[in-house]
Amino acid sequence: MKILFFNDFRLGILKGDQVVDVTSVVADIPHLGPHDLINGLIAHFDVYRPKIEAFLIDAKGVPVTSLRIRPPLPKPGHIDCMAVNYMEDGTRTEPAPINAFQKAPGAIIGPGDSMVLPDVPATIFEGEAEIALVIGKRATNVAAKDAMNYIFGYVNFIDGSARGLGPEGNIFFKMKSRDTFAPIGPYIVTADEIPNPQKLQIRLWNNGKLMQDFNTDDMAHNIPRCIEWISSIHTLEPGDIVATGTNHRGLNPFMDGDVIELETEGLGRLTINVRDDLKRTWARQTRLERQEAKQPGVHTPQLSGKYTPAPK
C-alpha cells in the first residue's frame, strides 16, 4: 500500500496514477494534526488496513498529477540517520564504526518543496540519496534477528548537508539539522510491497543528470543491525524515521535553481527544488569525478558568491 498526504493534508492511498481520499476512514484516530494521524494509523494499521482496503473497492480517485503532494511524515518524533554506512563500491577496506546523528523534525519537506541553503559559510552544500525505514511499533533493545518485524514501510529520503562549518569534532548538528534539510516522499510504501530492501537501486538526478546510482546491497551495516544499534540507545516509536546512509562517490553540489530527483526501486520519485538567495556557485562535479581527475580535496571549491575563499 502506498500512503500519502495531499493538498491540506488529506490522507490518500495511491492506486496506479489515482489517489483515493481515505481521510474519512481514519477520522476516529485521535489527532491534533496530520503527524498524529499518520503515527496513529501506523501504530494501529492492523485495525485500519482492512477498513481502508474495503473502502478502496468502490472508491474513486483523482489523478495524482492534479494534487499537491505533501510529506508523508510531516513531523516524525525521531529522524535517525546512519553515518558512513556504505562500502563505497568496494573502495573501503572495512566498514566504518557504526554511527548515527539526528535531524530536527522541522527539517522535513515534501515533493515540490524547496531545500533552502542558509546564509552560513559552508564550503559546499550537498544532498545524499537514501532509503529510510519507517518504524511500525515501539522498539527498545531489538535483536537484529527480529528487527524487520518493526518496519512499517519505506520512503525516499534526502540528507541535506552544509559541510565545512567546523569546528572539527562538533559538526553534525550545524551541518545536518537545518530547516528543509530532510526531504521525504512522495509516499510511504508498506513493507509487504518491498520483499528485499537490501537489494534496491537508488538513483539521484540533478537537473536531469544522473549523479548517484548505487544499490542498498552495498550497506556496511545492514538494516537489521541499524535498528538493533539505534534501539539499544533510544526507543523508536511508530512513525519514526531511520535513514540508512548513502554512497558518497556521487555527491555533488546543490545550487540555486537545481531540480533534484530521487528514485528508489518501488518507492516512486521524489522531486524537490533548491533555493539559494545568495546565488553561490560550485563546479558541477561529483566526488568521484574530482577524484578521477586527481584534483586536490574531496569537495569542489566554491567559485562565486558570498563566502568564496580569497585567492591564495
C-alpha atoms as a PDB file:
ATOM      1  CA  MET A   1       0.000   0.000   0.000  1.00  0.00           C
ATOM      2  CA  LYS A   2       1.246   3.490  -0.874  1.00  0.00           C
ATOM      3  CA  ILE A   3       0.183   6.075   1.711  1.00  0.00           C
ATOM      4  CA  LEU A   4       0.457   9.825   1.252  1.00  0.00           C
ATOM      5  CA  PHE A   5      -0.828  13.224   2.287  1.00  0.00           C
ATOM      6  CA  PHE A   6      -2.144  15.686  -0.281  1.00  0.00           C
ATOM      7  CA  ASN A   7      -3.494  19.241  -0.529  1.00  0.00           C
ATOM      8  CA  ASP A   8      -4.392  20.385   3.023  1.00  0.00           C
ATOM      9  CA  PHE A   9      -3.040  17.115   4.451  1.00  0.00           C
ATOM     10  CA  ARG A  10      -5.871  14.851   3.414  1.00  0.00           C
ATOM     11  CA  LEU A  11      -4.818  11.213   3.737  1.00  0.00           C
ATOM     12  CA  GLY A  12      -4.697   9.278   0.494  1.00  0.00           C
ATOM     13  CA  ILE A  13      -3.853   5.897  -0.980  1.00  0.00           C
ATOM     14  CA  LEU A  14      -2.185   5.740  -4.382  1.00  0.00           C
ATOM     15  CA  LYS A  15      -3.804   3.302  -6.840  1.00  0.00           C
ATOM     16  CA  GLY A  16      -1.969   3.417 -10.140  1.00  0.00           C
ATOM     17  CA  ASP A  17      -1.995   7.077 -11.131  1.00  0.00           C
ATOM     18  CA  GLN A  18      -5.045   7.887  -8.972  1.00  0.00           C
ATOM     19  CA  VAL A  19      -5.232   8.985  -5.325  1.00  0.00           C
ATOM     20  CA  VAL A  20      -8.192   7.866  -3.217  1.00  0.00           C
ATOM     21  CA  ASP A  21      -9.047  10.088  -0.243  1.00  0.00           C
ATOM     22  CA  VAL A  22      -9.376   7.840   2.827  1.00  0.00           C
ATOM     23  CA  THR A  23      -9.471  10.608   5.432  1.00  0.00           C
ATOM     24  CA  SER A  24     -12.997   9.648   6.477  1.00  0.00           C
ATOM     25  CA  VAL A  25     -11.945   6.035   7.141  1.00  0.00           C
ATOM     26  CA  VAL A  26      -9.357   7.055   9.725  1.00  0.00           C
ATOM     27  CA  ALA A  27     -11.196  10.048  11.198  1.00  0.00           C
ATOM     28  CA  ASP A  28     -11.618   8.359  14.569  1.00  0.00           C
ATOM     29  CA  ILE A  29      -7.856   8.174  15.160  1.00  0.00           C
ATOM     30  CA  PRO A  30      -7.173  10.763  17.901  1.00  0.00           C
ATOM     31  CA  HIS A  31      -5.115  13.561  16.386  1.00  0.00           C
ATOM     32  CA  LEU A  32      -4.378  17.260  16.641  1.00  0.00           C
ATOM     33  CA  GLY A  33      -2.606  17.358  13.300  1.00  0.00           C
ATOM     34  CA  PRO A  34      -1.500  15.193  10.391  1.00  0.00           C
ATOM     35  CA  HIS A  35       1.568  13.952  12.253  1.00  0.00           C
ATOM     36  CA  ASP A  36      -0.641  12.430  14.959  1.00  0.00           C
ATOM     37  CA  LEU A  37      -2.941  10.965  12.315  1.00  0.00           C
ATOM     38  CA  ILE A  38      -0.230   9.126  10.363  1.00  0.00           C
ATOM     39  CA  ASN A  39       1.529   7.958  13.537  1.00  0.00           C
ATOM     40  CA  GLY A  40      -1.783   6.639  14.884  1.00  0.00           C
ATOM     41  CA  LEU A  41      -2.508   4.874  11.607  1.00  0.00           C
ATOM     42  CA  ILE A  42       0.921   3.260  11.623  1.00  0.00           C
ATOM     43  CA  ALA A  43       0.565   2.149  15.255  1.00  0.00           C
ATOM     44  CA  HIS A  44      -2.879   0.603  14.614  1.00  0.00           C
ATOM     45  CA  PHE A  45      -2.507  -0.430  10.980  1.00  0.00           C
ATOM     46  CA  ASP A  46      -3.708  -3.961  11.655  1.00  0.00           C
ATOM     47  CA  VAL A  47      -7.085  -2.457  12.620  1.00  0.00           C
ATOM     48  CA  TYR A  48      -7.349   0.143   9.854  1.00  0.00           C
ATOM     49  CA  ARG A  49      -5.874  -1.711   6.901  1.00  0.00           C
ATOM     50  CA  PRO A  50      -8.967  -3.921   6.358  1.00  0.00           C
ATOM     51  CA  LYS A  51     -11.211  -0.851   6.608  1.00  0.00           C
ATOM     52  CA  ILE A  52      -9.123   1.027   4.056  1.00  0.00           C
ATOM     53  CA  GLU A  53      -8.977  -1.943   1.676  1.00  0.00           C
ATOM     54  CA  ALA A  54     -12.771  -2.350   1.850  1.00  0.00           C
ATOM     55  CA  PHE A  55     -13.243   1.366   1.172  1.00  0.00           C
ATOM     56  CA  LEU A  56     -10.901   1.227  -1.840  1.00  0.00           C
ATOM     57  CA  ILE A  57     -13.024  -1.375  -3.655  1.00  0.00           C
ATOM     58  CA  ASP A  58     -15.674   1.087  -4.814  1.00  0.00           C
ATOM     59  CA  ALA A  59     -13.994   4.426  -4.108  1.00  0.00           C
ATOM     60  CA  LYS A  60     -12.993   6.697  -6.967  1.00  0.00           C
ATOM     61  CA  GLY A  61      -9.750   8.581  -7.061  1.00  0.00           C
ATOM     62  CA  VAL A  62      -8.404  11.682  -8.725  1.00  0.00           C
ATOM     63  CA  PRO A  63      -5.227  11.962 -10.833  1.00  0.00           C
ATOM     64  CA  VAL A  64      -2.155  12.316  -8.660  1.00  0.00           C
ATOM     65  CA  THR A  65      -0.878  14.985 -11.059  1.00  0.00           C
ATOM     66  CA  SER A  66      -3.794  17.240 -10.072  1.00  0.00           C
ATOM     67  CA  LEU A  67      -2.832  17.274  -6.384  1.00  0.00           C
ATOM     68  CA  ARG A  68      -0.217  18.904  -4.211  1.00  0.00           C
ATOM     69  CA  ILE A  69       1.602  16.017  -2.544  1.00  0.00           C
ATOM     70  CA  ARG A  70       2.808  16.672   0.981  1.00  0.00           C
ATOM     71  CA  PRO A  71       5.480  14.934   3.092  1.00  0.00           C
ATOM     72  CA  PRO A  72       4.014  11.599   4.207  1.00  0.00           C
ATOM     73  CA  LEU A  73       5.533  12.009   7.689  1.00  0.00           C
ATOM     74  CA  PRO A  74       5.139  15.720   8.431  1.00  0.00           C
ATOM     75  CA  LYS A  75       6.714  15.701  11.900  1.00  0.00           C
ATOM     76  CA  PRO A  76       8.353  12.434  12.964  1.00  0.00           C
ATOM     77  CA  GLY A  77       9.375  12.129  16.579  1.00  0.00           C
ATOM     78  CA  HIS A  78      12.878  10.991  15.657  1.00  0.00           C
ATOM     79  CA  ILE A  79      14.907  11.222  12.469  1.00  0.00           C
ATOM     80  CA  ASP A  80      17.947   8.995  12.994  1.00  0.00           C
ATOM     81  CA  CYS A  81      20.489   8.968  10.169  1.00  0.00           C
ATOM     82  CA  MET A  82      23.224   6.404   9.752  1.00  0.00           C
ATOM     83  CA  ALA A  83      26.667   7.886   9.077  1.00  0.00           C
ATOM     84  CA  VAL A  84      29.263   6.459   6.653  1.00  0.00           C
ATOM     85  CA  ASN A  85      27.197   3.319   6.131  1.00  0.00           C
ATOM     86  CA  TYR A  86      28.267   2.177   2.663  1.00  0.00           C
ATOM     87  CA  MET A  87      31.340   0.341   1.420  1.00  0.00           C
ATOM     88  CA  GLU A  88      31.578   2.858  -1.461  1.00  0.00           C
ATOM     89  CA  ASP A  89      31.688   0.278  -4.272  1.00  0.00           C
ATOM     90  CA  GLY A  90      34.437  -1.686  -2.561  1.00  0.00           C
ATOM     91  CA  THR A  91      36.755   1.286  -2.079  1.00  0.00           C
ATOM     92  CA  ARG A  92      36.502   0.953   1.702  1.00  0.00           C
ATOM     93  CA  THR A  93      38.553  -1.955   3.014  1.00  0.00           C
ATOM     94  CA  GLU A  94      36.357  -2.400   6.082  1.00  0.00           C
ATOM     95  CA  PRO A  95      33.125  -0.934   7.470  1.00  0.00           C
ATOM     96  CA  ALA A  96      33.394   2.328   9.366  1.00  0.00           C
ATOM     97  CA  PRO A  97      32.395   2.007  13.030  1.00  0.00           C
ATOM     98  CA  ILE A  98      28.615   2.106  13.295  1.00  0.00           C
ATOM     99  CA  ASN A  99      27.475   5.675  13.946  1.00  0.00           C
ATOM    100  CA  ALA A 100      24.480   7.967  13.502  1.00  0.00           C
ATOM    101  CA  PHE A 101      23.188  11.508  14.039  1.00  0.00           C
ATOM    102  CA  GLN A 102      19.773  13.108  14.367  1.00  0.00           C
ATOM    103  CA  LYS A 103      17.948  15.696  12.310  1.00  0.00           C
ATOM    104  CA  ALA A 104      15.297  18.010  13.765  1.00  0.00           C
ATOM    105  CA  PRO A 105      11.696  17.165  12.797  1.00  0.00           C
ATOM    106  CA  GLY A 106      11.425  20.690  11.376  1.00  0.00           C
ATOM    107  CA  ALA A 107      13.886  19.726   8.646  1.00  0.00           C
ATOM    108  CA  ILE A 108      11.160  17.715   6.857  1.00  0.00           C
ATOM    109  CA  ILE A 109       9.847  18.917   3.480  1.00  0.00           C
ATOM    110  CA  GLY A 110       7.945  17.091   0.743  1.00  0.00           C
ATOM    111  CA  PRO A 111       7.623  16.789  -3.032  1.00  0.00           C
ATOM    112  CA  GLY A 112       7.786  20.094  -4.886  1.00  0.00           C
ATOM    113  CA  ASP A 113       9.137  21.928  -1.853  1.00  0.00           C
ATOM    114  CA  SER A 114      12.480  23.733  -1.761  1.00  0.00           C
ATOM    115  CA  MET A 115      15.633  22.954   0.156  1.00  0.00           C
ATOM    116  CA  VAL A 116      16.769  26.434   1.203  1.00  0.00           C
ATOM    117  CA  LEU A 117      20.526  26.948   1.530  1.00  0.00           C
ATOM    118  CA  PRO A 118      21.195  29.136   4.580  1.00  0.00           C
ATOM    119  CA  ASP A 119      23.459  32.158   4.851  1.00  0.00           C
ATOM    120  CA  VAL A 120      26.343  30.316   6.523  1.00  0.00           C
ATOM    121  CA  PRO A 121      29.982  29.873   5.439  1.00  0.00           C
ATOM    122  CA  ALA A 122      29.666  26.249   4.323  1.00  0.00           C
ATOM    123  CA  THR A 123      32.329  25.054   1.919  1.00  0.00           C
ATOM    124  CA  ILE A 124      29.647  23.212  -0.076  1.00  0.00           C
ATOM    125  CA  PHE A 125      26.023  22.093   0.154  1.00  0.00           C
ATOM    126  CA  GLU A 126      25.140  18.515  -0.746  1.00  0.00           C
ATOM    127  CA  GLY A 127      22.167  16.162  -0.571  1.00  0.00           C
ATOM    128  CA  GLU A 128      22.545  12.426  -0.058  1.00  0.00           C
ATOM    129  CA  ALA A 129      20.215   9.909  -1.718  1.00  0.00           C
ATOM    130  CA  GLU A 130      18.950   7.387   0.832  1.00  0.00           C
ATOM    131  CA  ILE A 131      16.257   4.862   1.637  1.00  0.00           C
ATOM    132  CA  ALA A 132      14.630   5.447   5.019  1.00  0.00           C
ATOM    133  CA  LEU A 133      12.834   2.984   7.246  1.00  0.00           C
ATOM    134  CA  VAL A 134       9.522   3.929   8.828  1.00  0.00           C
ATOM    135  CA  ILE A 135       9.160   2.325  12.241  1.00  0.00           C
ATOM    136  CA  GLY A 136       5.886   0.474  12.832  1.00  0.00           C
ATOM    137  CA  LYS A 137       5.870  -0.275  16.555  1.00  0.00           C
ATOM    138  CA  ARG A 138       7.734   0.651  19.706  1.00  0.00           C
ATOM    139  CA  ALA A 139      11.254  -0.697  19.525  1.00  0.00           C
ATOM    140  CA  THR A 140      13.610  -0.953  22.504  1.00  0.00           C
ATOM    141  CA  ASN A 141      16.707  -3.165  22.537  1.00  0.00           C
ATOM    142  CA  VAL A 142      15.555  -5.056  19.461  1.00  0.00           C
ATOM    143  CA  ALA A 143      17.688  -8.003  18.372  1.00  0.00           C
ATOM    144  CA  ALA A 144      18.843  -7.946  14.749  1.00  0.00           C
ATOM    145  CA  LYS A 145      17.041 -11.232  14.063  1.00  0.00           C
ATOM    146  CA  ASP A 146      13.724  -9.591  14.995  1.00  0.00           C
ATOM    147  CA  ALA A 147      14.363  -6.139  13.564  1.00  0.00           C
ATOM    148  CA  MET A 148      12.496  -6.450  10.262  1.00  0.00           C
ATOM    149  CA  ASN A 149       9.267  -7.040  12.189  1.00  0.00           C
ATOM    150  CA  TYR A 150       9.489  -3.457  13.446  1.00  0.00           C
ATOM    151  CA  ILE A 151       9.475  -1.850   9.999  1.00  0.00           C
ATOM    152  CA  PHE A 152       6.163  -0.416   8.807  1.00  0.00           C
ATOM    153  CA  GLY A 153       7.451   0.703   5.435  1.00  0.00           C
ATOM    154  CA  TYR A 154       9.985   2.621   3.392  1.00  0.00           C
ATOM    155  CA  VAL A 155      10.349   6.105   1.929  1.00  0.00           C
ATOM    156  CA  ASN A 156      12.780   8.107  -0.193  1.00  0.00           C
ATOM    157  CA  PHE A 157      14.974  10.424   1.881  1.00  0.00           C
ATOM    158  CA  ILE A 158      17.480  13.165   1.020  1.00  0.00           C
ATOM    159  CA  ASP A 159      20.010  14.051   3.697  1.00  0.00           C
ATOM    160  CA  GLY A 160      20.942  17.702   3.200  1.00  0.00           C
ATOM    161  CA  SER A 161      24.379  18.823   4.390  1.00  0.00           C
ATOM    162  CA  ALA A 162      26.102  22.178   4.905  1.00  0.00           C
ATOM    163  CA  ARG A 163      29.687  20.982   5.014  1.00  0.00           C
ATOM    164  CA  GLY A 164      32.797  22.614   6.403  1.00  0.00           C
ATOM    165  CA  LEU A 165      31.241  24.714   9.162  1.00  0.00           C
ATOM    166  CA  GLY A 166      33.512  23.383  11.907  1.00  0.00           C
ATOM    167  CA  PRO A 167      34.932  23.218  14.438  1.00  0.00           C
ATOM    168  CA  GLU A 168      36.211  19.692  13.954  1.00  0.00           C
ATOM    169  CA  GLY A 169      34.525  17.190  16.257  1.00  0.00           C
ATOM    170  CA  ASN A 170      31.437  19.381  16.667  1.00  0.00           C
ATOM    171  CA  ILE A 171      29.850  19.445  13.229  1.00  0.00           C
ATOM    172  CA  PHE A 172      26.798  17.232  12.764  1.00  0.00           C
ATOM    173  CA  PHE A 173      24.143  19.475  14.329  1.00  0.00           C
ATOM    174  CA  LYS A 174      25.160  22.561  12.346  1.00  0.00           C
ATOM    175  CA  MET A 175      25.698  20.574   9.169  1.00  0.00           C
ATOM    176  CA  LYS A 176      22.642  18.315   9.096  1.00  0.00           C
ATOM    177  CA  SER A 177      19.757  19.712  11.122  1.00  0.00           C
ATOM    178  CA  ARG A 178      18.936  22.840   9.117  1.00  0.00           C
ATOM    179  CA  ASP A 179      15.362  23.710   8.185  1.00  0.00           C
ATOM    180  CA  THR A 180      14.340  21.980   4.892  1.00  0.00           C
ATOM    181  CA  PHE A 181      17.331  19.598   5.001  1.00  0.00           C
ATOM    182  CA  ALA A 182      15.254  16.377   5.191  1.00  0.00           C
ATOM    183  CA  PRO A 183      13.115  15.966   2.045  1.00  0.00           C
ATOM    184  CA  ILE A 184      10.999  12.790   2.018  1.00  0.00           C
ATOM    185  CA  GLY A 185       8.321  11.237  -0.186  1.00  0.00           C
ATOM    186  CA  PRO A 186       6.318  11.074  -2.257  1.00  0.00           C
ATOM    187  CA  TYR A 187       4.655   8.331  -0.182  1.00  0.00           C
ATOM    188  CA  ILE A 188       5.285   5.586   2.338  1.00  0.00           C
ATOM    189  CA  VAL A 189       5.351   2.109   0.805  1.00  0.00           C
ATOM    190  CA  THR A 190       4.320  -0.578   3.281  1.00  0.00           C
ATOM    191  CA  ALA A 191       6.884  -3.266   3.986  1.00  0.00           C
ATOM    192  CA  ASP A 192       4.900  -6.061   2.317  1.00  0.00           C
ATOM    193  CA  GLU A 193       5.480  -4.400  -1.084  1.00  0.00           C
ATOM    194  CA  ILE A 194       9.282  -4.383  -0.708  1.00  0.00           C
ATOM    195  CA  PRO A 195      10.338  -8.031  -0.360  1.00  0.00           C
ATOM    196  CA  ASN A 196      14.086  -7.299  -0.189  1.00  0.00           C
ATOM    197  CA  PRO A 197      15.031  -3.762   0.895  1.00  0.00           C
ATOM    198  CA  GLN A 198      18.654  -4.861   0.918  1.00  0.00           C
ATOM    199  CA  LYS A 199      18.653  -5.144  -2.884  1.00  0.00           C
ATOM    200  CA  LEU A 200      17.268  -1.856  -4.232  1.00  0.00           C
ATOM    201  CA  GLN A 201      18.783   0.548  -6.731  1.00  0.00           C
ATOM    202  CA  ILE A 202      18.900   4.185  -5.613  1.00  0.00           C
ATOM    203  CA  ARG A 203      19.354   6.966  -8.168  1.00  0.00           C
ATOM    204  CA  LEU A 204      19.576  10.743  -7.838  1.00  0.00           C
ATOM    205  CA  TRP A 205      19.481  13.246 -10.690  1.00  0.00           C
ATOM    206  CA  ASN A 206      20.494  16.906 -10.548  1.00  0.00           C
ATOM    207  CA  ASN A 207      18.875  18.906 -13.378  1.00  0.00           C
ATOM    208  CA  GLY A 208      18.320  15.680 -15.295  1.00  0.00           C
ATOM    209  CA  LYS A 209      21.905  14.407 -14.975  1.00  0.00           C
ATOM    210  CA  LEU A 210      22.355  11.129 -13.103  1.00  0.00           C
ATOM    211  CA  MET A 211      24.712  11.776 -10.192  1.00  0.00           C
ATOM    212  CA  GLN A 212      24.186   8.939  -7.698  1.00  0.00           C
ATOM    213  CA  ASP A 213      23.495   5.352  -8.763  1.00  0.00           C
ATOM    214  CA  PHE A 214      24.084   2.620  -6.204  1.00  0.00           C
ATOM    215  CA  ASN A 215      22.462  -0.401  -4.565  1.00  0.00           C
ATOM    216  CA  THR A 216      21.431  -0.973  -0.980  1.00  0.00           C
ATOM    217  CA  ASP A 217      23.371  -4.257  -1.027  1.00  0.00           C
ATOM    218  CA  ASP A 218      26.497  -2.096  -0.519  1.00  0.00           C
ATOM    219  CA  MET A 219      25.497  -1.105   3.037  1.00  0.00           C
ATOM    220  CA  ALA A 220      28.263  -1.628   5.564  1.00  0.00           C
ATOM    221  CA  HIS A 221      25.839  -2.229   8.447  1.00  0.00           C
ATOM    222  CA  ASN A 222      22.630  -3.807   7.175  1.00  0.00           C
ATOM    223  CA  ILE A 223      19.109  -2.751   8.071  1.00  0.00           C
ATOM    224  CA  PRO A 224      18.601  -5.198  10.978  1.00  0.00           C
ATOM    225  CA  ARG A 225      21.905  -4.118  12.516  1.00  0.00           C
ATOM    226  CA  CYS A 226      20.942  -0.428  12.208  1.00  0.00           C
ATOM    227  CA  ILE A 227      17.680  -0.992  14.063  1.00  0.00           C
ATOM    228  CA  GLU A 228      19.391  -3.158  16.674  1.00  0.00           C
ATOM    229  CA  TRP A 229      22.018  -0.491  17.348  1.00  0.00           C
ATOM    230  CA  ILE A 230      19.740   2.568  17.403  1.00  0.00           C
ATOM    231  CA  SER A 231      17.110   0.846  19.566  1.00  0.00           C
ATOM    232  CA  SER A 232      19.837  -0.012  22.067  1.00  0.00           C
ATOM    233  CA  ILE A 233      20.382   3.743  22.532  1.00  0.00           C
ATOM    234  CA  HIS A 234      16.836   5.107  22.500  1.00  0.00           C
ATOM    235  CA  THR A 235      13.322   3.795  21.988  1.00  0.00           C
ATOM    236  CA  LEU A 236      11.901   4.101  18.486  1.00  0.00           C
ATOM    237  CA  GLU A 237       8.191   4.868  18.145  1.00  0.00           C
ATOM    238  CA  PRO A 238       5.670   4.337  15.320  1.00  0.00           C
ATOM    239  CA  GLY A 239       6.313   6.885  12.596  1.00  0.00           C
ATOM    240  CA  ASP A 240       9.969   7.451  13.474  1.00  0.00           C
ATOM    241  CA  ILE A 241      12.446   7.542  10.588  1.00  0.00           C
ATOM    242  CA  VAL A 242      15.754   5.708  10.268  1.00  0.00           C
ATOM    243  CA  ALA A 243      17.712   6.862   7.214  1.00  0.00           C
ATOM    244  CA  THR A 244      20.242   4.244   6.201  1.00  0.00           C
ATOM    245  CA  GLY A 245      23.057   6.287   4.642  1.00  0.00           C
ATOM    246  CA  THR A 246      24.461   6.816   1.165  1.00  0.00           C
ATOM    247  CA  ASN A 247      27.278   6.016  -1.237  1.00  0.00           C
ATOM    248  CA  HIS A 248      29.247   9.278  -1.162  1.00  0.00           C
ATOM    249  CA  ARG A 249      31.033   8.910  -4.509  1.00  0.00           C
ATOM    250  CA  GLY A 250      28.231  10.588  -6.461  1.00  0.00           C
ATOM    251  CA  LEU A 251      27.674  13.511  -4.096  1.00  0.00           C
ATOM    252  CA  ASN A 252      27.639  16.844  -5.898  1.00  0.00           C
ATOM    253  CA  PRO A 253      26.972  20.499  -5.066  1.00  0.00           C
ATOM    254  CA  PHE A 254      23.376  21.661  -4.683  1.00  0.00           C
ATOM    255  CA  MET A 255      22.877  25.206  -6.023  1.00  0.00           C
ATOM    256  CA  ASP A 256      20.151  27.753  -6.582  1.00  0.00           C
ATOM    257  CA  GLY A 257      17.610  26.651  -9.189  1.00  0.00           C
ATOM    258  CA  ASP A 258      18.565  22.979  -9.141  1.00  0.00           C
ATOM    259  CA  VAL A 259      15.841  20.392  -9.595  1.00  0.00           C
ATOM    260  CA  ILE A 260      16.674  17.240  -7.642  1.00  0.00           C
ATOM    261  CA  GLU A 261      15.007  13.885  -8.321  1.00  0.00           C
ATOM    262  CA  LEU A 262      15.465  10.801  -6.148  1.00  0.00           C
ATOM    263  CA  GLU A 263      14.092   7.404  -7.049  1.00  0.00           C
ATOM    264  CA  THR A 264      14.478   4.147  -5.166  1.00  0.00           C
ATOM    265  CA  GLU A 265      13.112   0.960  -6.733  1.00  0.00           C
ATOM    266  CA  GLY A 266       9.483   0.578  -5.680  1.00  0.00           C
ATOM    267  CA  LEU A 267       9.329   3.862  -3.765  1.00  0.00           C
ATOM    268  CA  GLY A 268       8.414   6.304  -6.532  1.00  0.00           C
ATOM    269  CA  ARG A 269      10.217   9.506  -7.407  1.00  0.00           C
ATOM    270  CA  LEU A 270      10.750  12.445  -5.063  1.00  0.00           C
ATOM    271  CA  THR A 271      11.333  15.787  -6.775  1.00  0.00           C
ATOM    272  CA  ILE A 272      12.435  18.913  -4.903  1.00  0.00           C
ATOM    273  CA  ASN A 273      13.918  22.299  -5.755  1.00  0.00           C
ATOM    274  CA  VAL A 274      16.948  24.093  -4.349  1.00  0.00           C
ATOM    275  CA  ARG A 275      16.918  27.780  -3.441  1.00  0.00           C
ATOM    276  CA  ASP A 276      19.909  29.904  -2.516  1.00  0.00           C
ATOM    277  CA  ASP A 277      19.193  33.608  -2.169  1.00  0.00           C
ATOM    278  CA  LEU A 278      22.964  34.233  -2.236  1.00  0.00           C
ATOM    279  CA  LYS A 279      23.306  32.547  -5.674  1.00  0.00           C
ATOM    280  CA  ARG A 280      26.574  30.822  -4.748  1.00  0.00           C
ATOM    281  CA  THR A 281      28.159  28.524  -7.338  1.00  0.00           C
ATOM    282  CA  TRP A 282      30.431  25.491  -7.460  1.00  0.00           C
ATOM    283  CA  ALA A 283      31.786  23.396 -10.324  1.00  0.00           C
ATOM    284  CA  ARG A 284      29.408  20.637 -11.470  1.00  0.00           C
ATOM    285  CA  GLN A 285      31.466  17.718 -10.200  1.00  0.00           C
ATOM    286  CA  THR A 286      30.775  14.615  -8.200  1.00  0.00           C
ATOM    287  CA  ARG A 287      33.268  13.499  -5.597  1.00  0.00           C
ATOM    288  CA  LEU A 288      34.197  10.585  -7.849  1.00  0.00           C
ATOM    289  CA  GLU A 289      34.829  12.856 -10.853  1.00  0.00           C
ATOM    290  CA  ARG A 290      37.071  15.022  -8.723  1.00  0.00           C
ATOM    291  CA  GLN A 291      38.998  12.003  -7.514  1.00  0.00           C
ATOM    292  CA  GLU A 292      39.407  10.596 -11.024  1.00  0.00           C
ATOM    293  CA  ALA A 293      40.721  13.972 -12.232  1.00  0.00           C
ATOM    294  CA  LYS A 294      43.265  13.833  -9.383  1.00  0.00           C
ATOM    295  CA  GLN A 295      42.122  17.194  -8.089  1.00  0.00           C
ATOM    296  CA  PRO A 296      43.023  18.116  -4.505  1.00  0.00           C
ATOM    297  CA  GLY A 297      40.456  17.805  -1.744  1.00  0.00           C
ATOM    298  CA  VAL A 298      37.175  15.933  -1.527  1.00  0.00           C
ATOM    299  CA  HIS A 299      34.871  18.837  -2.403  1.00  0.00           C
ATOM    300  CA  THR A 300      34.950  21.144  -5.386  1.00  0.00           C
ATOM    301  CA  PRO A 301      35.747  24.692  -4.174  1.00  0.00           C
ATOM    302  CA  GLN A 302      33.207  27.499  -4.264  1.00  0.00           C
ATOM    303  CA  LEU A 303      33.515  29.575  -7.413  1.00  0.00           C
ATOM    304  CA  SER A 304      31.401  32.647  -6.762  1.00  0.00           C
ATOM    305  CA  GLY A 305      29.143  34.392  -4.261  1.00  0.00           C
ATOM    306  CA  LYS A 306      29.338  35.204  -0.592  1.00  0.00           C
ATOM    307  CA  TYR A 307      31.997  33.244   1.336  1.00  0.00           C
ATOM    308  CA  THR A 308      34.066  32.491  -1.781  1.00  0.00           C
ATOM    309  CA  PRO A 309      37.592  31.805  -0.478  1.00  0.00           C
ATOM    310  CA  ALA A 310      40.082  34.574  -1.128  1.00  0.00           C
ATOM    311  CA  PRO A 311      42.741  33.744  -3.744  1.00  0.00           C
ATOM    312  CA  LYS A 312      45.952  32.415  -2.258  1.00  0.00           C
END
